């Protein structure tokens, strides 16, 4: 059973890498978009996430700080990785032309307020972070968990700050009202 889980983990990591590379290369802003808003957040994310993956995996081989002795954590971690990848894809697809990997205001841009966006302002980031959390849990090492989660978390917090400034400039009171009714990353909590 462990061999199957290791294969599934390898497939999930490849799927995560491939989808993120595809998003980065296919979902950039166009020439006509207002794209001076990003303030290097895309570059910061592309440094933070690969660093966190490499550091957490390396740390899991070099240190022994198990979260638990039970194997359920491996399954939970793997489930979080797949849920994160799949739901991030669904959310990106639901945003359609308004999703870009760089902070951009598109022509005729609208604030999406339905689906996951009814509860969260940044569900794509939430599910990306769930994938990172899953990696840390799968590695079953407290240090790996910290390294898998915190660098992307702080990078996304910076990006959210920049993105919300751009949305406030564009939509003003409409976005302010939307912010009052939703959470950033975790429904009903944060």
N, C-alpha and C. Protein backbone atom coordinates (compact mmCIF):
# COMPACT_ATOMS: atom_id res chain seq x y z
N UNK A 1 0.84 -1.21 0.00
CA UNK A 1 0.00 0.00 0.00
C UNK A 1 0.88 1.27 0.00
N UNK A 2 2.00 1.22 0.72
CA UNK A 2 2.87 2.38 0.80
C UNK A 2 3.45 2.71 -0.56
N UNK A 3 3.79 1.70 -1.34
CA UNK A 3 4.33 1.93 -2.67
C UNK A 3 3.32 2.67 -3.55
N UNK A 4 2.05 2.28 -3.47
CA UNK A 4 0.99 2.94 -4.23
C UNK A 4 0.87 4.40 -3.82
N UNK A 5 0.95 4.64 -2.51
CA UNK A 5 0.87 6.02 -2.01
C UNK A 5 2.06 6.85 -2.50
N UNK A 6 3.23 6.25 -2.52
CA UNK A 6 4.41 6.98 -3.00
C UNK A 6 4.28 7.30 -4.50
N UNK A 7 3.71 6.38 -5.25
CA UNK A 7 3.48 6.63 -6.69
C UNK A 7 2.46 7.75 -6.85
N UNK A 8 1.38 7.68 -6.08
CA UNK A 8 0.35 8.73 -6.13
C UNK A 8 0.94 10.08 -5.76
N UNK A 9 1.83 10.09 -4.76
CA UNK A 9 2.49 11.33 -4.36
C UNK A 9 3.33 11.88 -5.50
N UNK A 10 4.10 11.03 -6.15
CA UNK A 10 4.93 11.47 -7.28
C UNK A 10 4.07 12.03 -8.41
N UNK A 11 2.95 11.38 -8.67
CA UNK A 11 2.04 11.87 -9.72
C UNK A 11 1.46 13.22 -9.31
N UNK A 12 1.07 13.35 -8.05
CA UNK A 12 0.48 14.62 -7.60
C UNK A 12 1.50 15.76 -7.68
N UNK A 13 2.74 15.48 -7.33
CA UNK A 13 3.76 16.52 -7.40
C UNK A 13 4.01 16.93 -8.86
N UNK A 14 4.02 15.96 -9.76
CA UNK A 14 4.18 16.27 -11.19
C UNK A 14 2.98 17.07 -11.69
N UNK A 15 1.78 16.68 -11.28
CA UNK A 15 0.57 17.40 -11.70
C UNK A 15 0.60 18.84 -11.19
N UNK A 16 1.03 19.01 -9.95
CA UNK A 16 1.13 20.34 -9.36
C UNK A 16 2.10 21.20 -10.17
N UNK A 17 3.27 20.67 -10.44
CA UNK A 17 4.28 21.40 -11.20
C UNK A 17 3.79 21.74 -12.61
N UNK A 18 3.24 20.76 -13.30
CA UNK A 18 2.79 20.97 -14.68
C UNK A 18 1.66 22.00 -14.74
N UNK A 19 0.67 21.88 -13.84
CA UNK A 19 -0.44 22.85 -13.89
C UNK A 19 0.05 24.26 -13.60
N UNK A 20 0.95 24.41 -12.63
CA UNK A 20 1.43 25.76 -12.31
C UNK A 20 2.26 26.35 -13.45
N UNK A 21 3.06 25.53 -14.13
CA UNK A 21 3.82 26.02 -15.28
C UNK A 21 2.86 26.41 -16.40
N UNK A 22 1.85 25.60 -16.63
CA UNK A 22 0.85 25.94 -17.67
C UNK A 22 0.12 27.24 -17.33
N UNK A 23 -0.31 27.39 -16.07
CA UNK A 23 -0.98 28.64 -15.67
C UNK A 23 -0.06 29.83 -15.92
N UNK A 24 1.19 29.70 -15.49
CA UNK A 24 2.15 30.81 -15.62
C UNK A 24 2.36 31.19 -17.09
N UNK A 25 2.42 30.20 -17.96
CA UNK A 25 2.70 30.48 -19.36
C UNK A 25 1.46 30.82 -20.18
N UNK A 26 0.30 30.37 -19.77
CA UNK A 26 -0.91 30.57 -20.59
C UNK A 26 -1.84 31.66 -20.07
N UNK A 27 -1.71 32.03 -18.80
CA UNK A 27 -2.70 32.93 -18.20
C UNK A 27 -2.11 34.27 -17.78
N UNK A 28 -1.16 34.75 -18.57
CA UNK A 28 -0.59 36.08 -18.30
C UNK A 28 -1.53 37.15 -18.86
N UNK A 29 -1.37 38.35 -18.35
CA UNK A 29 -2.17 39.46 -18.85
C UNK A 29 -1.80 39.76 -20.29
N UNK A 30 -2.75 40.40 -20.99
CA UNK A 30 -2.52 40.78 -22.38
C UNK A 30 -1.95 42.18 -22.50
N UNK A 31 -1.62 42.56 -23.71
CA UNK A 31 -1.03 43.89 -23.95
C UNK A 31 -1.98 45.03 -23.58
N UNK A 32 -3.29 44.79 -23.73
CA UNK A 32 -4.26 45.85 -23.48
C UNK A 32 -4.66 45.97 -22.01
N UNK A 33 -4.19 45.04 -21.15
CA UNK A 33 -4.58 45.05 -19.74
C UNK A 33 -3.74 46.03 -18.94
N UNK A 34 -4.33 46.48 -17.82
CA UNK A 34 -3.60 47.32 -16.88
C UNK A 34 -2.75 46.39 -16.02
N UNK A 35 -1.49 46.23 -16.38
CA UNK A 35 -0.69 45.23 -15.69
C UNK A 35 0.50 45.82 -14.94
N UNK A 36 0.43 47.08 -14.63
CA UNK A 36 1.51 47.70 -13.87
C UNK A 36 1.28 47.53 -12.37
N UNK A 37 0.33 46.69 -12.01
CA UNK A 37 -0.08 46.55 -10.61
C UNK A 37 0.61 45.42 -9.86
N UNK A 38 1.29 44.52 -10.55
CA UNK A 38 1.77 43.27 -9.95
C UNK A 38 2.85 43.46 -8.88
N UNK A 39 3.70 44.44 -9.02
CA UNK A 39 4.77 44.73 -8.05
C UNK A 39 5.60 43.48 -7.71
N UNK A 40 5.93 42.70 -8.72
CA UNK A 40 6.77 41.50 -8.61
C UNK A 40 6.17 40.36 -7.78
N UNK A 41 4.86 40.40 -7.51
CA UNK A 41 4.27 39.33 -6.69
C UNK A 41 4.37 37.98 -7.39
N UNK A 42 4.26 37.95 -8.71
CA UNK A 42 4.38 36.69 -9.44
C UNK A 42 5.79 36.10 -9.26
N UNK A 43 6.80 36.95 -9.38
CA UNK A 43 8.17 36.49 -9.18
C UNK A 43 8.41 36.00 -7.76
N UNK A 44 7.84 36.69 -6.80
CA UNK A 44 8.00 36.29 -5.39
C UNK A 44 7.35 34.92 -5.17
N UNK A 45 6.17 34.72 -5.73
CA UNK A 45 5.50 33.41 -5.60
C UNK A 45 6.33 32.32 -6.27
N UNK A 46 6.91 32.64 -7.44
CA UNK A 46 7.69 31.64 -8.15
C UNK A 46 9.05 31.38 -7.49
N UNK A 47 9.42 32.20 -6.53
CA UNK A 47 10.60 31.88 -5.71
C UNK A 47 10.15 31.13 -4.45
N UNK A 48 9.09 31.60 -3.82
CA UNK A 48 8.64 31.05 -2.53
C UNK A 48 8.16 29.60 -2.65
N UNK A 49 7.36 29.30 -3.65
CA UNK A 49 6.76 27.97 -3.73
C UNK A 49 7.80 26.89 -4.07
N UNK A 50 8.60 27.05 -5.13
CA UNK A 50 9.63 26.02 -5.37
C UNK A 50 10.62 25.89 -4.21
N UNK A 51 10.99 27.03 -3.60
CA UNK A 51 11.87 26.96 -2.43
C UNK A 51 11.22 26.14 -1.33
N UNK A 52 9.94 26.40 -1.06
CA UNK A 52 9.26 25.69 0.03
C UNK A 52 9.17 24.19 -0.25
N UNK A 53 8.93 23.82 -1.51
CA UNK A 53 8.86 22.41 -1.86
C UNK A 53 10.23 21.75 -1.67
N UNK A 54 11.26 22.35 -2.25
CA UNK A 54 12.62 21.79 -2.14
C UNK A 54 13.08 21.72 -0.69
N UNK A 55 12.86 22.79 0.06
CA UNK A 55 13.32 22.84 1.45
C UNK A 55 12.56 21.84 2.32
N UNK A 56 11.25 21.72 2.12
CA UNK A 56 10.47 20.81 2.96
C UNK A 56 10.80 19.35 2.66
N UNK A 57 10.94 19.02 1.38
CA UNK A 57 11.29 17.64 1.01
C UNK A 57 12.70 17.31 1.51
N UNK A 58 13.66 18.20 1.29
CA UNK A 58 15.04 17.97 1.77
C UNK A 58 15.07 17.79 3.28
N UNK A 59 14.36 18.65 3.98
CA UNK A 59 14.32 18.59 5.43
C UNK A 59 13.74 17.27 5.92
N UNK A 60 12.75 16.75 5.20
CA UNK A 60 12.14 15.48 5.62
C UNK A 60 13.13 14.32 5.53
N UNK A 61 14.11 14.44 4.64
CA UNK A 61 15.14 13.40 4.52
C UNK A 61 16.24 13.58 5.55
N UNK A 62 16.47 14.81 5.97
CA UNK A 62 17.62 15.10 6.84
C UNK A 62 17.27 15.11 8.33
N UNK A 63 15.99 15.26 8.67
CA UNK A 63 15.60 15.37 10.07
C UNK A 63 14.43 14.44 10.38
N UNK A 64 14.25 14.15 11.65
CA UNK A 64 13.15 13.31 12.11
C UNK A 64 12.38 14.06 13.20
N UNK A 65 11.32 14.76 12.79
CA UNK A 65 10.42 15.42 13.74
C UNK A 65 8.98 15.06 13.37
N UNK A 66 8.62 13.78 13.53
CA UNK A 66 7.31 13.33 13.05
C UNK A 66 6.15 14.02 13.76
N UNK A 67 5.13 14.32 12.96
CA UNK A 67 3.90 14.89 13.50
C UNK A 67 3.14 13.78 14.23
N UNK A 68 3.15 12.57 13.65
CA UNK A 68 2.52 11.41 14.26
C UNK A 68 3.22 10.15 13.75
N UNK A 69 3.05 9.08 14.48
CA UNK A 69 3.61 7.79 14.06
C UNK A 69 2.63 7.04 13.15
N UNK A 70 1.40 7.54 13.05
CA UNK A 70 0.36 6.88 12.26
C UNK A 70 0.45 7.26 10.78
N UNK A 71 0.01 6.34 9.93
CA UNK A 71 0.08 6.59 8.48
C UNK A 71 -1.09 7.42 7.96
N UNK A 72 -2.12 7.65 8.76
CA UNK A 72 -3.26 8.44 8.29
C UNK A 72 -2.82 9.81 7.79
N UNK A 73 -1.76 10.34 8.39
CA UNK A 73 -1.31 11.68 8.00
C UNK A 73 -0.83 11.71 6.55
N UNK A 74 -0.26 10.62 6.09
CA UNK A 74 0.19 10.55 4.69
C UNK A 74 -1.01 10.63 3.75
N UNK A 75 -2.08 9.93 4.11
CA UNK A 75 -3.29 9.95 3.29
C UNK A 75 -3.98 11.31 3.33
N UNK A 76 -4.02 11.90 4.52
CA UNK A 76 -4.61 13.23 4.65
C UNK A 76 -3.80 14.24 3.83
N UNK A 77 -2.49 14.17 3.93
CA UNK A 77 -1.63 15.08 3.17
C UNK A 77 -1.86 14.91 1.68
N UNK A 78 -1.88 13.67 1.22
CA UNK A 78 -2.09 13.42 -0.22
C UNK A 78 -3.47 13.89 -0.66
N UNK A 79 -4.48 13.69 0.17
CA UNK A 79 -5.85 14.17 -0.16
C UNK A 79 -5.84 15.70 -0.29
N UNK A 80 -5.19 16.39 0.64
CA UNK A 80 -5.12 17.86 0.57
C UNK A 80 -4.40 18.32 -0.70
N UNK A 81 -3.33 17.62 -1.08
CA UNK A 81 -2.61 17.99 -2.30
C UNK A 81 -3.55 17.92 -3.50
N UNK A 82 -4.26 16.80 -3.64
CA UNK A 82 -5.16 16.63 -4.79
C UNK A 82 -6.34 17.59 -4.74
N UNK A 83 -6.93 17.77 -3.56
CA UNK A 83 -8.05 18.72 -3.43
C UNK A 83 -7.59 20.11 -3.83
N UNK A 84 -6.41 20.51 -3.36
CA UNK A 84 -5.87 21.82 -3.70
C UNK A 84 -5.67 21.99 -5.20
N UNK A 85 -5.06 21.00 -5.84
CA UNK A 85 -4.80 21.08 -7.29
C UNK A 85 -6.11 21.14 -8.07
N UNK A 86 -7.03 20.26 -7.75
CA UNK A 86 -8.29 20.15 -8.51
C UNK A 86 -9.16 21.38 -8.32
N UNK A 87 -9.34 21.81 -7.07
CA UNK A 87 -10.21 22.97 -6.84
C UNK A 87 -9.58 24.27 -7.32
N UNK A 88 -8.28 24.37 -7.27
CA UNK A 88 -7.62 25.56 -7.85
C UNK A 88 -7.91 25.62 -9.35
N UNK A 89 -7.83 24.48 -10.02
CA UNK A 89 -8.16 24.42 -11.45
C UNK A 89 -9.61 24.85 -11.70
N UNK A 90 -10.53 24.33 -10.89
CA UNK A 90 -11.96 24.67 -11.04
C UNK A 90 -12.17 26.17 -10.85
N UNK A 91 -11.53 26.75 -9.86
CA UNK A 91 -11.69 28.18 -9.58
C UNK A 91 -11.10 29.02 -10.71
N UNK A 92 -9.93 28.65 -11.18
CA UNK A 92 -9.30 29.38 -12.28
C UNK A 92 -10.21 29.33 -13.51
N UNK A 93 -10.75 28.15 -13.78
CA UNK A 93 -11.67 27.98 -14.92
C UNK A 93 -12.92 28.84 -14.74
N UNK A 94 -13.44 28.92 -13.50
CA UNK A 94 -14.66 29.69 -13.25
C UNK A 94 -14.45 31.19 -13.45
N UNK A 95 -13.23 31.67 -13.21
CA UNK A 95 -12.93 33.09 -13.42
C UNK A 95 -12.75 33.42 -14.90
N UNK A 96 -12.43 32.41 -15.67
CA UNK A 96 -12.29 32.60 -17.11
C UNK A 96 -11.24 33.65 -17.45
N UNK A 97 -11.63 34.58 -18.33
CA UNK A 97 -10.67 35.58 -18.83
C UNK A 97 -10.17 36.54 -17.75
N UNK A 98 -10.84 36.59 -16.60
CA UNK A 98 -10.43 37.51 -15.54
C UNK A 98 -9.30 36.94 -14.68
N UNK A 99 -8.98 35.66 -14.85
CA UNK A 99 -7.86 35.10 -14.09
C UNK A 99 -6.57 35.32 -14.85
N UNK A 100 -5.63 35.95 -14.19
CA UNK A 100 -4.27 36.09 -14.74
C UNK A 100 -3.29 35.77 -13.61
N UNK A 101 -2.12 35.30 -13.98
CA UNK A 101 -1.13 34.97 -12.96
C UNK A 101 -0.45 36.22 -12.41
N UNK A 102 -0.50 37.31 -13.14
CA UNK A 102 0.02 38.57 -12.63
C UNK A 102 -1.17 39.45 -12.24
N UNK A 103 -0.97 40.31 -11.25
CA UNK A 103 -2.05 41.18 -10.79
C UNK A 103 -2.39 42.14 -11.93
N UNK A 104 -3.62 42.03 -12.43
CA UNK A 104 -4.04 42.75 -13.62
C UNK A 104 -5.50 43.14 -13.51
N UNK A 105 -5.83 44.31 -14.02
CA UNK A 105 -7.23 44.70 -14.18
C UNK A 105 -7.54 44.63 -15.67
N UNK A 106 -8.48 43.76 -15.99
CA UNK A 106 -8.86 43.56 -17.40
C UNK A 106 -9.89 44.61 -17.80
N UNK A 107 -10.00 44.83 -19.11
CA UNK A 107 -11.05 45.70 -19.61
C UNK A 107 -12.40 45.06 -19.30
N UNK A 108 -13.37 45.85 -18.86
CA UNK A 108 -14.71 45.37 -18.44
C UNK A 108 -14.63 44.38 -17.28
N UNK A 109 -13.62 44.53 -16.44
CA UNK A 109 -13.41 43.64 -15.30
C UNK A 109 -14.62 43.70 -14.37
N UNK A 110 -15.01 42.56 -13.86
CA UNK A 110 -16.12 42.45 -12.91
C UNK A 110 -15.61 41.75 -11.65
N UNK A 111 -16.22 42.07 -10.52
CA UNK A 111 -15.90 41.34 -9.29
C UNK A 111 -16.79 40.10 -9.26
N UNK A 112 -16.18 38.95 -9.20
CA UNK A 112 -16.95 37.70 -9.12
C UNK A 112 -17.39 37.52 -7.67
N UNK A 113 -18.70 37.29 -7.47
CA UNK A 113 -19.23 37.19 -6.12
C UNK A 113 -20.02 35.91 -5.90
N UNK A 114 -19.95 34.98 -6.85
CA UNK A 114 -20.68 33.74 -6.67
C UNK A 114 -19.73 32.55 -6.59
N UNK A 115 -20.30 31.38 -6.30
CA UNK A 115 -19.47 30.20 -6.11
C UNK A 115 -18.59 30.36 -4.89
N UNK A 116 -17.33 29.94 -4.98
CA UNK A 116 -16.40 30.09 -3.87
C UNK A 116 -16.22 31.55 -3.49
N UNK A 117 -16.38 32.44 -4.46
CA UNK A 117 -16.17 33.88 -4.23
C UNK A 117 -17.26 34.50 -3.35
N UNK A 118 -18.32 33.76 -3.10
CA UNK A 118 -19.35 34.23 -2.18
C UNK A 118 -18.80 34.25 -0.75
N UNK A 119 -17.82 33.39 -0.48
CA UNK A 119 -17.27 33.27 0.87
C UNK A 119 -15.83 33.74 0.99
N UNK A 120 -15.07 33.62 -0.11
CA UNK A 120 -13.65 33.94 -0.08
C UNK A 120 -13.28 34.89 -1.20
N UNK A 121 -12.41 35.85 -0.90
CA UNK A 121 -11.95 36.76 -1.94
C UNK A 121 -10.83 36.14 -2.77
N UNK A 122 -10.13 35.16 -2.22
CA UNK A 122 -8.97 34.58 -2.92
C UNK A 122 -8.98 33.05 -2.84
N UNK A 123 -10.03 32.40 -3.33
CA UNK A 123 -10.10 30.93 -3.20
C UNK A 123 -9.00 30.20 -3.96
N UNK A 124 -8.52 30.76 -5.05
CA UNK A 124 -7.43 30.12 -5.80
C UNK A 124 -6.18 30.04 -4.92
N UNK A 125 -5.92 31.08 -4.15
CA UNK A 125 -4.77 31.08 -3.25
C UNK A 125 -5.01 30.11 -2.08
N UNK A 126 -6.25 30.06 -1.61
CA UNK A 126 -6.59 29.14 -0.51
C UNK A 126 -6.26 27.71 -0.91
N UNK A 127 -6.66 27.32 -2.11
CA UNK A 127 -6.43 25.94 -2.53
C UNK A 127 -4.97 25.69 -2.88
N UNK A 128 -4.27 26.70 -3.33
CA UNK A 128 -2.83 26.55 -3.53
C UNK A 128 -2.15 26.30 -2.18
N UNK A 129 -2.58 27.05 -1.17
CA UNK A 129 -2.03 26.86 0.18
C UNK A 129 -2.43 25.51 0.77
N UNK A 130 -3.63 25.02 0.43
CA UNK A 130 -4.03 23.70 0.88
C UNK A 130 -3.10 22.63 0.29
N UNK A 131 -2.69 22.82 -0.94
CA UNK A 131 -1.73 21.91 -1.56
C UNK A 131 -0.40 21.94 -0.80
N UNK A 132 0.06 23.13 -0.46
CA UNK A 132 1.30 23.26 0.32
C UNK A 132 1.16 22.61 1.70
N UNK A 133 0.02 22.83 2.33
CA UNK A 133 -0.24 22.20 3.63
C UNK A 133 -0.23 20.68 3.48
N UNK A 134 -0.86 20.19 2.41
CA UNK A 134 -0.87 18.76 2.15
C UNK A 134 0.52 18.18 2.01
N UNK A 135 1.38 18.91 1.32
CA UNK A 135 2.77 18.47 1.17
C UNK A 135 3.42 18.34 2.54
N UNK A 136 3.27 19.35 3.37
CA UNK A 136 3.86 19.31 4.70
C UNK A 136 3.33 18.16 5.55
N UNK A 137 2.03 17.90 5.46
CA UNK A 137 1.45 16.78 6.20
C UNK A 137 1.94 15.44 5.66
N UNK A 138 1.99 15.33 4.33
CA UNK A 138 2.45 14.09 3.72
C UNK A 138 3.89 13.76 4.16
N UNK A 139 4.71 14.76 4.28
CA UNK A 139 6.10 14.54 4.67
C UNK A 139 6.23 14.17 6.15
N UNK A 140 5.15 14.42 6.92
CA UNK A 140 5.06 14.01 8.33
C UNK A 140 6.30 14.43 9.13
N UNK A 141 6.59 15.72 9.03
CA UNK A 141 7.74 16.27 9.73
C UNK A 141 7.38 17.72 10.07
N UNK A 142 7.48 18.05 11.35
CA UNK A 142 7.08 19.41 11.77
C UNK A 142 7.86 20.50 11.02
N UNK A 143 9.16 20.32 10.86
CA UNK A 143 9.96 21.32 10.14
C UNK A 143 9.54 21.41 8.67
N UNK A 144 9.30 20.25 8.07
CA UNK A 144 8.85 20.22 6.67
C UNK A 144 7.50 20.92 6.52
N UNK A 145 6.62 20.70 7.49
CA UNK A 145 5.31 21.35 7.45
C UNK A 145 5.46 22.87 7.47
N UNK A 146 6.32 23.36 8.34
CA UNK A 146 6.56 24.81 8.43
C UNK A 146 7.16 25.33 7.12
N UNK A 147 8.14 24.61 6.59
CA UNK A 147 8.81 25.04 5.36
C UNK A 147 7.90 24.91 4.13
N UNK A 148 7.02 23.94 4.14
CA UNK A 148 6.09 23.77 3.01
C UNK A 148 5.04 24.86 2.99
N UNK A 149 4.62 25.31 4.17
CA UNK A 149 3.47 26.20 4.24
C UNK A 149 3.82 27.69 4.38
N UNK A 150 4.75 28.02 5.25
CA UNK A 150 4.96 29.45 5.56
C UNK A 150 5.49 30.31 4.41
N UNK A 151 6.50 29.88 3.65
CA UNK A 151 6.95 30.75 2.55
C UNK A 151 5.83 31.09 1.54
N UNK A 152 5.05 30.10 1.06
CA UNK A 152 3.95 30.47 0.16
C UNK A 152 2.89 31.32 0.86
N UNK A 153 2.62 31.02 2.13
CA UNK A 153 1.61 31.79 2.87
C UNK A 153 1.99 33.27 2.92
N UNK A 154 3.23 33.56 3.28
CA UNK A 154 3.66 34.96 3.35
C UNK A 154 3.71 35.60 1.97
N UNK A 155 4.10 34.84 0.96
CA UNK A 155 4.11 35.37 -0.42
C UNK A 155 2.69 35.69 -0.86
N UNK A 156 1.73 34.82 -0.55
CA UNK A 156 0.34 35.08 -0.91
C UNK A 156 -0.23 36.27 -0.13
N UNK A 157 0.15 36.42 1.14
CA UNK A 157 -0.33 37.58 1.91
C UNK A 157 0.14 38.89 1.26
N UNK A 158 1.39 38.92 0.83
CA UNK A 158 1.89 40.11 0.14
C UNK A 158 1.11 40.33 -1.16
N UNK A 159 0.90 39.26 -1.91
CA UNK A 159 0.17 39.38 -3.17
C UNK A 159 -1.27 39.85 -2.94
N UNK A 160 -1.91 39.33 -1.91
CA UNK A 160 -3.28 39.74 -1.60
C UNK A 160 -3.32 41.24 -1.31
N UNK A 161 -2.36 41.72 -0.55
CA UNK A 161 -2.30 43.16 -0.24
C UNK A 161 -2.21 43.98 -1.53
N UNK A 162 -1.32 43.58 -2.43
CA UNK A 162 -1.15 44.30 -3.70
C UNK A 162 -2.39 44.18 -4.57
N UNK A 163 -2.93 42.98 -4.65
CA UNK A 163 -4.12 42.74 -5.47
C UNK A 163 -5.32 43.52 -4.96
N UNK A 164 -5.50 43.54 -3.65
CA UNK A 164 -6.65 44.26 -3.10
C UNK A 164 -6.50 45.77 -3.25
N UNK A 165 -5.28 46.28 -3.25
CA UNK A 165 -5.07 47.71 -3.54
C UNK A 165 -5.54 48.02 -4.96
N UNK A 166 -5.17 47.16 -5.90
CA UNK A 166 -5.57 47.37 -7.30
C UNK A 166 -7.09 47.28 -7.45
N UNK A 167 -7.71 46.34 -6.76
CA UNK A 167 -9.16 46.18 -6.84
C UNK A 167 -9.89 47.35 -6.18
N UNK A 168 -9.32 47.87 -5.08
CA UNK A 168 -9.92 49.04 -4.43
C UNK A 168 -9.83 50.26 -5.35
N UNK A 169 -8.69 50.42 -6.01
CA UNK A 169 -8.53 51.54 -6.96
C UNK A 169 -9.55 51.44 -8.10
N UNK A 170 -9.77 50.24 -8.57
CA UNK A 170 -10.66 50.03 -9.71
C UNK A 170 -12.13 50.10 -9.33
N UNK A 171 -12.50 49.46 -8.20
CA UNK A 171 -13.93 49.28 -7.89
C UNK A 171 -14.41 50.08 -6.68
N UNK A 172 -13.52 50.65 -5.90
CA UNK A 172 -13.90 51.50 -4.78
C UNK A 172 -14.87 50.86 -3.81
N UNK A 173 -16.02 51.52 -3.60
CA UNK A 173 -16.99 51.08 -2.60
C UNK A 173 -17.55 49.69 -2.89
N UNK A 174 -17.67 49.34 -4.16
CA UNK A 174 -18.19 48.00 -4.49
C UNK A 174 -17.26 46.93 -3.92
N UNK A 175 -15.95 47.14 -4.06
CA UNK A 175 -15.01 46.15 -3.53
C UNK A 175 -14.97 46.21 -2.01
N UNK A 176 -15.08 47.40 -1.45
CA UNK A 176 -15.10 47.55 0.01
C UNK A 176 -16.28 46.78 0.61
N UNK A 177 -17.45 46.89 -0.01
CA UNK A 177 -18.63 46.14 0.44
C UNK A 177 -18.41 44.65 0.33
N UNK A 178 -17.83 44.23 -0.78
CA UNK A 178 -17.54 42.81 -0.99
C UNK A 178 -16.56 42.30 0.08
N UNK A 179 -15.55 43.10 0.40
CA UNK A 179 -14.57 42.72 1.44
C UNK A 179 -15.24 42.52 2.79
N UNK A 180 -16.24 43.36 3.09
CA UNK A 180 -16.92 43.25 4.38
C UNK A 180 -17.70 41.94 4.51
N UNK A 181 -18.13 41.38 3.40
CA UNK A 181 -18.98 40.19 3.41
C UNK A 181 -18.21 38.88 3.22
N UNK A 182 -16.90 38.97 2.98
CA UNK A 182 -16.12 37.77 2.68
C UNK A 182 -14.84 37.73 3.51
N UNK A 183 -14.21 36.57 3.50
CA UNK A 183 -12.92 36.40 4.16
C UNK A 183 -11.84 36.27 3.09
N UNK A 184 -10.59 36.45 3.49
CA UNK A 184 -9.47 36.35 2.54
C UNK A 184 -9.24 34.93 2.05
N UNK A 185 -8.98 34.01 3.00
CA UNK A 185 -8.49 32.69 2.63
C UNK A 185 -9.24 31.51 3.23
N UNK A 186 -9.81 31.68 4.43
CA UNK A 186 -10.49 30.57 5.11
C UNK A 186 -11.94 31.00 5.38
N UNK A 187 -12.92 30.28 4.82
CA UNK A 187 -14.33 30.68 5.00
C UNK A 187 -14.69 30.90 6.47
N UNK A 188 -15.37 32.01 6.75
CA UNK A 188 -15.90 32.37 8.06
C UNK A 188 -14.82 32.63 9.12
N UNK A 189 -13.54 32.48 8.79
CA UNK A 189 -12.48 32.60 9.79
C UNK A 189 -11.49 33.71 9.47
N UNK A 190 -10.83 33.62 8.29
CA UNK A 190 -9.77 34.58 7.96
C UNK A 190 -9.79 34.91 6.48
